[in-house]
Amino acid sequence: MAIERVLILALVASCLISMSTAIPGQATFYTTYVPSSCYGFQDQGTMIAAASPAIFNNRAACGRRYRIRCTGPTNQGVLQPCRNGEIIVRVVDLCPGCQANQFDLSQEAFSMIADPNAGRILIEYNE
């Protein structure tokens, strides 16, 4: 019984720590995944993202995984776009038109955390 309590406490603490270190940003989505800047014509699945130049850092982010959670809308189109939960995506490409803390998620990844009709959402992310 004591071990179960310790495990639950550790889980709660890790969730609080990960949320406190999250970085605010925005996310959009795209639908053509190949070729990518990091992997050329190799298919990397659908839980992927293109990162802003600041995050991409001249290909240094290739293969890095990011935990992303929707936090709200960026416009009046869809007032409550967020779906419960978070996703983990792997950076496979550069999003040259993205803002500093922005990810362009695969449509499948975006759809897991938000209504695609929103087009753009507010997020929190960490590596």
N, C-alpha and C. Protein backbone atom coordinates (compact mmCIF):
# COMPACT_ATOMS: atom_id res chain seq x y z
N MET A 1 0.82 -1.19 0.00
CA MET A 1 0.00 0.00 0.00
C MET A 1 0.86 1.26 0.00
N ALA A 2 1.92 1.27 0.79
CA ALA A 2 2.81 2.43 0.87
C ALA A 2 3.51 2.67 -0.46
N ILE A 3 3.90 1.58 -1.13
CA ILE A 3 4.57 1.72 -2.43
C ILE A 3 3.63 2.33 -3.45
N GLU A 4 2.37 1.93 -3.42
CA GLU A 4 1.39 2.51 -4.35
C GLU A 4 1.25 4.00 -4.12
N ARG A 5 1.21 4.44 -2.87
CA ARG A 5 1.10 5.86 -2.56
C ARG A 5 2.32 6.63 -3.05
N VAL A 6 3.49 6.07 -2.88
CA VAL A 6 4.71 6.72 -3.35
C VAL A 6 4.69 6.85 -4.87
N LEU A 7 4.27 5.79 -5.55
CA LEU A 7 4.20 5.84 -7.01
C LEU A 7 3.20 6.88 -7.50
N ILE A 8 2.06 6.95 -6.86
CA ILE A 8 1.05 7.94 -7.25
C ILE A 8 1.58 9.35 -7.00
N LEU A 9 2.22 9.58 -5.87
CA LEU A 9 2.79 10.88 -5.56
C LEU A 9 3.87 11.26 -6.58
N ALA A 10 4.71 10.31 -6.95
CA ALA A 10 5.76 10.57 -7.94
C ALA A 10 5.15 10.92 -9.30
N LEU A 11 4.09 10.22 -9.68
CA LEU A 11 3.42 10.50 -10.95
C LEU A 11 2.82 11.90 -10.95
N VAL A 12 2.14 12.27 -9.90
CA VAL A 12 1.55 13.61 -9.78
C VAL A 12 2.65 14.67 -9.83
N ALA A 13 3.73 14.46 -9.11
CA ALA A 13 4.83 15.43 -9.09
C ALA A 13 5.46 15.59 -10.46
N SER A 14 5.64 14.48 -11.20
CA SER A 14 6.25 14.57 -12.53
C SER A 14 5.34 15.32 -13.49
N CYS A 15 4.04 15.15 -13.37
CA CYS A 15 3.09 15.88 -14.22
C CYS A 15 3.17 17.38 -13.92
N LEU A 16 3.23 17.73 -12.65
CA LEU A 16 3.31 19.14 -12.28
C LEU A 16 4.60 19.77 -12.75
N ILE A 17 5.70 19.04 -12.65
CA ILE A 17 6.99 19.56 -13.10
C ILE A 17 6.98 19.75 -14.61
N SER A 18 6.48 18.78 -15.37
CA SER A 18 6.49 18.90 -16.83
C SER A 18 5.61 20.05 -17.29
N MET A 19 4.49 20.30 -16.61
CA MET A 19 3.61 21.40 -17.01
C MET A 19 4.23 22.74 -16.64
N SER A 20 5.00 22.81 -15.55
CA SER A 20 5.58 24.08 -15.14
C SER A 20 6.73 24.49 -16.05
N THR A 21 7.32 23.55 -16.77
CA THR A 21 8.43 23.89 -17.66
C THR A 21 7.98 23.99 -19.11
N ALA A 22 6.68 23.90 -19.36
CA ALA A 22 6.16 23.96 -20.72
C ALA A 22 6.34 25.37 -21.30
N ILE A 23 6.58 25.42 -22.60
CA ILE A 23 6.78 26.67 -23.32
C ILE A 23 5.51 26.98 -24.11
N PRO A 24 4.99 28.20 -24.02
CA PRO A 24 3.81 28.55 -24.81
C PRO A 24 4.17 28.76 -26.28
N GLY A 25 3.25 28.41 -27.15
CA GLY A 25 3.47 28.58 -28.58
C GLY A 25 2.18 28.43 -29.35
N GLN A 26 2.31 28.14 -30.64
CA GLN A 26 1.17 27.91 -31.51
C GLN A 26 1.43 26.71 -32.39
N ALA A 27 0.34 26.14 -32.91
CA ALA A 27 0.46 25.01 -33.83
C ALA A 27 -0.55 25.17 -34.96
N THR A 28 -0.12 24.72 -36.13
CA THR A 28 -0.95 24.60 -37.32
C THR A 28 -0.78 23.17 -37.79
N PHE A 29 -1.30 22.84 -39.00
CA PHE A 29 -1.06 21.49 -39.51
C PHE A 29 -0.83 21.52 -41.01
N TYR A 30 -0.20 20.43 -41.48
CA TYR A 30 0.08 20.26 -42.91
C TYR A 30 -0.25 18.83 -43.31
N THR A 31 -0.27 18.56 -44.62
CA THR A 31 -0.73 17.24 -45.08
C THR A 31 0.24 16.51 -46.02
N THR A 32 1.31 17.15 -46.46
CA THR A 32 2.29 16.48 -47.33
C THR A 32 3.55 16.26 -46.51
N TYR A 33 3.87 14.99 -46.23
CA TYR A 33 4.93 14.68 -45.28
C TYR A 33 6.27 14.28 -45.91
N VAL A 34 6.25 13.95 -47.16
CA VAL A 34 7.47 13.50 -47.85
C VAL A 34 7.61 14.29 -49.13
N PRO A 35 8.77 14.82 -49.43
CA PRO A 35 10.03 14.69 -48.69
C PRO A 35 10.07 15.63 -47.50
N SER A 36 10.97 15.34 -46.58
CA SER A 36 11.18 16.20 -45.41
C SER A 36 12.64 16.64 -45.39
N SER A 37 12.89 17.74 -44.73
CA SER A 37 14.24 18.27 -44.64
C SER A 37 15.19 17.34 -43.92
N CYS A 38 14.69 16.62 -42.93
CA CYS A 38 15.54 15.75 -42.12
C CYS A 38 15.76 14.37 -42.73
N TYR A 39 14.72 13.82 -43.38
CA TYR A 39 14.76 12.41 -43.78
C TYR A 39 14.50 12.18 -45.27
N GLY A 40 14.49 13.24 -46.05
CA GLY A 40 14.29 13.08 -47.49
C GLY A 40 12.99 12.37 -47.80
N PHE A 41 13.08 11.28 -48.56
CA PHE A 41 11.89 10.54 -48.98
C PHE A 41 11.55 9.36 -48.06
N GLN A 42 12.21 9.23 -46.92
CA GLN A 42 11.89 8.16 -45.97
C GLN A 42 10.63 8.53 -45.20
N ASP A 43 9.65 7.66 -45.22
CA ASP A 43 8.40 7.88 -44.50
C ASP A 43 8.66 7.77 -43.01
N GLN A 44 8.25 8.78 -42.25
CA GLN A 44 8.46 8.81 -40.81
C GLN A 44 7.16 8.66 -40.02
N GLY A 45 6.10 8.21 -40.69
CA GLY A 45 4.83 8.03 -40.01
C GLY A 45 4.02 9.31 -39.97
N THR A 46 3.07 9.36 -39.04
CA THR A 46 2.18 10.52 -39.00
C THR A 46 2.27 11.32 -37.70
N MET A 47 2.97 10.85 -36.70
CA MET A 47 3.12 11.63 -35.48
C MET A 47 4.40 12.46 -35.60
N ILE A 48 4.32 13.42 -36.52
CA ILE A 48 5.49 14.21 -36.91
C ILE A 48 5.15 15.69 -36.91
N ALA A 49 6.21 16.51 -37.03
CA ALA A 49 6.02 17.95 -37.07
C ALA A 49 7.16 18.62 -37.83
N ALA A 50 6.83 19.78 -38.38
CA ALA A 50 7.82 20.70 -38.90
C ALA A 50 7.97 21.78 -37.84
N ALA A 51 9.19 22.22 -37.59
CA ALA A 51 9.45 23.19 -36.53
C ALA A 51 9.86 24.54 -37.11
N SER A 52 9.58 25.57 -36.34
CA SER A 52 10.00 26.92 -36.73
C SER A 52 11.52 26.97 -36.87
N PRO A 53 12.05 27.94 -37.60
CA PRO A 53 13.51 28.05 -37.72
C PRO A 53 14.21 28.13 -36.36
N ALA A 54 13.59 28.79 -35.39
CA ALA A 54 14.21 28.91 -34.06
C ALA A 54 14.32 27.55 -33.37
N ILE A 55 13.30 26.73 -33.48
CA ILE A 55 13.32 25.40 -32.87
C ILE A 55 14.17 24.44 -33.71
N PHE A 56 14.02 24.53 -35.04
CA PHE A 56 14.73 23.64 -35.96
C PHE A 56 16.25 23.79 -35.84
N ASN A 57 16.70 25.03 -35.67
CA ASN A 57 18.11 25.32 -35.38
C ASN A 57 19.08 24.63 -36.34
N ASN A 58 18.90 24.92 -37.63
CA ASN A 58 19.80 24.35 -38.66
C ASN A 58 19.91 22.83 -38.58
N ARG A 59 18.78 22.16 -38.45
CA ARG A 59 18.66 20.70 -38.43
C ARG A 59 19.02 20.06 -37.09
N ALA A 60 19.39 20.84 -36.09
CA ALA A 60 19.72 20.27 -34.77
C ALA A 60 18.51 19.59 -34.14
N ALA A 61 17.30 20.01 -34.50
CA ALA A 61 16.09 19.42 -33.91
C ALA A 61 15.63 18.16 -34.63
N CYS A 62 16.27 17.79 -35.73
CA CYS A 62 15.86 16.59 -36.47
C CYS A 62 15.84 15.37 -35.53
N GLY A 63 14.70 14.71 -35.47
CA GLY A 63 14.55 13.53 -34.65
C GLY A 63 14.16 13.79 -33.20
N ARG A 64 14.22 15.02 -32.75
CA ARG A 64 13.81 15.33 -31.38
C ARG A 64 12.32 15.13 -31.22
N ARG A 65 11.94 14.71 -30.04
CA ARG A 65 10.53 14.49 -29.74
C ARG A 65 10.04 15.60 -28.81
N TYR A 66 8.84 16.07 -29.09
CA TYR A 66 8.23 17.13 -28.29
C TYR A 66 6.84 16.69 -27.83
N ARG A 67 6.54 17.00 -26.57
CA ARG A 67 5.22 16.75 -25.99
C ARG A 67 4.44 18.05 -26.17
N ILE A 68 3.27 17.94 -26.81
CA ILE A 68 2.48 19.13 -27.14
C ILE A 68 1.06 18.97 -26.63
N ARG A 69 0.54 20.06 -26.04
CA ARG A 69 -0.82 20.07 -25.50
C ARG A 69 -1.51 21.34 -25.97
N CYS A 70 -2.73 21.21 -26.45
CA CYS A 70 -3.54 22.36 -26.86
C CYS A 70 -4.00 23.10 -25.61
N THR A 71 -3.89 24.46 -25.66
CA THR A 71 -4.33 25.27 -24.51
C THR A 71 -5.47 26.22 -24.86
N GLY A 72 -5.74 26.43 -26.16
CA GLY A 72 -6.85 27.32 -26.50
C GLY A 72 -6.85 27.76 -27.94
N PRO A 73 -7.85 28.58 -28.30
CA PRO A 73 -7.99 29.06 -29.66
C PRO A 73 -7.11 30.28 -29.94
N THR A 74 -6.88 30.55 -31.21
CA THR A 74 -6.17 31.77 -31.61
C THR A 74 -7.10 32.72 -32.35
N ASN A 75 -8.32 32.28 -32.63
CA ASN A 75 -9.27 33.12 -33.37
C ASN A 75 -10.69 32.82 -32.89
N GLN A 76 -11.64 33.49 -33.50
CA GLN A 76 -13.03 33.31 -33.11
C GLN A 76 -13.73 32.19 -33.88
N GLY A 77 -13.04 31.55 -34.82
CA GLY A 77 -13.67 30.53 -35.65
C GLY A 77 -14.16 29.32 -34.88
N VAL A 78 -13.30 28.74 -34.06
CA VAL A 78 -13.68 27.60 -33.22
C VAL A 78 -13.33 28.02 -31.80
N LEU A 79 -14.34 28.28 -30.99
CA LEU A 79 -14.12 28.84 -29.66
C LEU A 79 -13.47 27.87 -28.69
N GLN A 80 -13.73 26.59 -28.83
CA GLN A 80 -13.14 25.59 -27.95
C GLN A 80 -12.54 24.46 -28.79
N PRO A 81 -11.39 24.70 -29.41
CA PRO A 81 -10.83 23.70 -30.32
C PRO A 81 -10.14 22.52 -29.64
N CYS A 82 -9.75 22.68 -28.39
CA CYS A 82 -8.91 21.67 -27.75
C CYS A 82 -9.67 20.40 -27.42
N ARG A 83 -8.96 19.29 -27.63
CA ARG A 83 -9.42 17.98 -27.19
C ARG A 83 -8.52 17.58 -26.03
N ASN A 84 -8.99 16.72 -25.18
CA ASN A 84 -8.21 16.31 -24.01
C ASN A 84 -6.93 15.60 -24.43
N GLY A 85 -5.94 15.73 -23.59
CA GLY A 85 -4.72 14.98 -23.78
C GLY A 85 -3.61 15.75 -24.44
N GLU A 86 -2.54 15.04 -24.67
CA GLU A 86 -1.36 15.59 -25.30
C GLU A 86 -0.79 14.56 -26.26
N ILE A 87 0.09 15.02 -27.10
CA ILE A 87 0.71 14.13 -28.08
C ILE A 87 2.22 14.26 -27.98
N ILE A 88 2.90 13.29 -28.55
CA ILE A 88 4.35 13.37 -28.71
C ILE A 88 4.62 13.24 -30.19
N VAL A 89 5.31 14.23 -30.73
CA VAL A 89 5.66 14.24 -32.15
C VAL A 89 7.16 14.31 -32.31
N ARG A 90 7.61 13.86 -33.47
CA ARG A 90 9.04 13.92 -33.79
C ARG A 90 9.26 14.94 -34.89
N VAL A 91 10.25 15.80 -34.74
CA VAL A 91 10.56 16.81 -35.74
C VAL A 91 11.22 16.14 -36.94
N VAL A 92 10.62 16.37 -38.11
CA VAL A 92 11.16 15.80 -39.35
C VAL A 92 11.40 16.86 -40.42
N ASP A 93 10.96 18.09 -40.16
CA ASP A 93 11.04 19.10 -41.22
C ASP A 93 11.13 20.50 -40.63
N LEU A 94 11.47 21.44 -41.51
CA LEU A 94 11.51 22.86 -41.19
C LEU A 94 10.22 23.51 -41.65
N CYS A 95 9.70 24.41 -40.85
CA CYS A 95 8.54 25.24 -41.23
C CYS A 95 9.07 26.66 -41.37
N PRO A 96 9.52 27.03 -42.57
CA PRO A 96 10.18 28.33 -42.73
C PRO A 96 9.30 29.54 -42.43
N GLY A 97 7.99 29.41 -42.58
CA GLY A 97 7.09 30.53 -42.31
C GLY A 97 6.55 30.57 -40.90
N CYS A 98 6.97 29.65 -40.06
CA CYS A 98 6.45 29.58 -38.69
C CYS A 98 7.10 30.61 -37.78
N GLN A 99 6.35 31.05 -36.78
CA GLN A 99 6.86 31.96 -35.75
C GLN A 99 7.80 31.20 -34.83
N ALA A 100 8.49 31.91 -33.96
CA ALA A 100 9.55 31.33 -33.13
C ALA A 100 9.13 30.07 -32.36
N ASN A 101 8.00 30.07 -31.69
CA ASN A 101 7.57 28.92 -30.89
C ASN A 101 6.39 28.22 -31.54
N GLN A 102 6.52 27.92 -32.81
CA GLN A 102 5.41 27.31 -33.55
C GLN A 102 5.83 25.98 -34.16
N PHE A 103 4.88 25.05 -34.14
CA PHE A 103 5.03 23.77 -34.82
C PHE A 103 3.95 23.65 -35.89
N ASP A 104 4.30 23.07 -37.00
CA ASP A 104 3.35 22.71 -38.04
C ASP A 104 3.21 21.19 -37.92
N LEU A 105 2.14 20.74 -37.30
CA LEU A 105 1.94 19.33 -37.01
C LEU A 105 1.36 18.59 -38.20
N SER A 106 1.58 17.29 -38.27
CA SER A 106 0.85 16.50 -39.25
C SER A 106 -0.64 16.65 -38.94
N GLN A 107 -1.47 16.50 -39.95
CA GLN A 107 -2.91 16.63 -39.73
C GLN A 107 -3.40 15.62 -38.69
N GLU A 108 -2.85 14.42 -38.73
CA GLU A 108 -3.25 13.37 -37.78
C GLU A 108 -2.89 13.77 -36.34
N ALA A 109 -1.69 14.31 -36.14
CA ALA A 109 -1.28 14.73 -34.80
C ALA A 109 -2.14 15.90 -34.31
N PHE A 110 -2.35 16.89 -35.16
CA PHE A 110 -3.17 18.05 -34.80
C PHE A 110 -4.57 17.60 -34.39
N SER A 111 -5.14 16.68 -35.17
CA SER A 111 -6.51 16.20 -34.92
C SER A 111 -6.65 15.48 -33.59
N MET A 112 -5.56 14.96 -33.07
CA MET A 112 -5.63 14.26 -31.78
C MET A 112 -5.80 15.24 -30.61
N ILE A 113 -5.31 16.47 -30.78
CA ILE A 113 -5.38 17.43 -29.67
C ILE A 113 -6.33 18.59 -29.93
N ALA A 114 -6.78 18.75 -31.20
CA ALA A 114 -7.65 19.89 -31.50
C ALA A 114 -8.52 19.62 -32.73
N ASP A 115 -9.56 20.40 -32.84
CA ASP A 115 -10.45 20.37 -34.00
C ASP A 115 -9.71 20.98 -35.19
N PRO A 116 -9.50 20.23 -36.27
CA PRO A 116 -8.78 20.76 -37.43
C PRO A 116 -9.43 22.01 -38.03
N ASN A 117 -10.73 22.20 -37.82
CA ASN A 117 -11.40 23.39 -38.34
C ASN A 117 -10.83 24.68 -37.74
N ALA A 118 -10.16 24.57 -36.60
CA ALA A 118 -9.56 25.75 -35.97
C ALA A 118 -8.39 26.27 -36.81
N GLY A 119 -7.65 25.36 -37.45
CA GLY A 119 -6.52 25.76 -38.28
C GLY A 119 -5.27 26.13 -37.52
N ARG A 120 -5.41 26.90 -36.47
CA ARG A 120 -4.28 27.35 -35.64
C ARG A 120 -4.74 27.35 -34.19
N ILE A 121 -3.89 26.85 -33.29
CA ILE A 121 -4.23 26.77 -31.88
C ILE A 121 -3.07 27.27 -31.02
N LEU A 122 -3.41 27.59 -29.79
CA LEU A 122 -2.38 27.87 -28.78
C LEU A 122 -1.97 26.55 -28.16
N ILE A 123 -0.69 26.41 -27.86
CA ILE A 123 -0.16 25.17 -27.30
C ILE A 123 0.80 25.45 -26.17
N GLU A 124 1.13 24.41 -25.45
CA GLU A 124 2.28 24.36 -24.56
C GLU A 124 3.08 23.15 -24.99
N TYR A 125 4.40 23.28 -24.97
CA TYR A 125 5.23 22.15 -25.40
C TYR A 125 6.51 22.08 -24.57
N ASN A 126 7.08 20.91 -24.54
CA ASN A 126 8.41 20.71 -23.99
C ASN A 126 9.04 19.49 -24.65
N GLU A 127 10.34 19.42 -24.54
CA GLU A 127 11.07 18.32 -25.17
C GLU A 127 11.07 17.13 -24.25
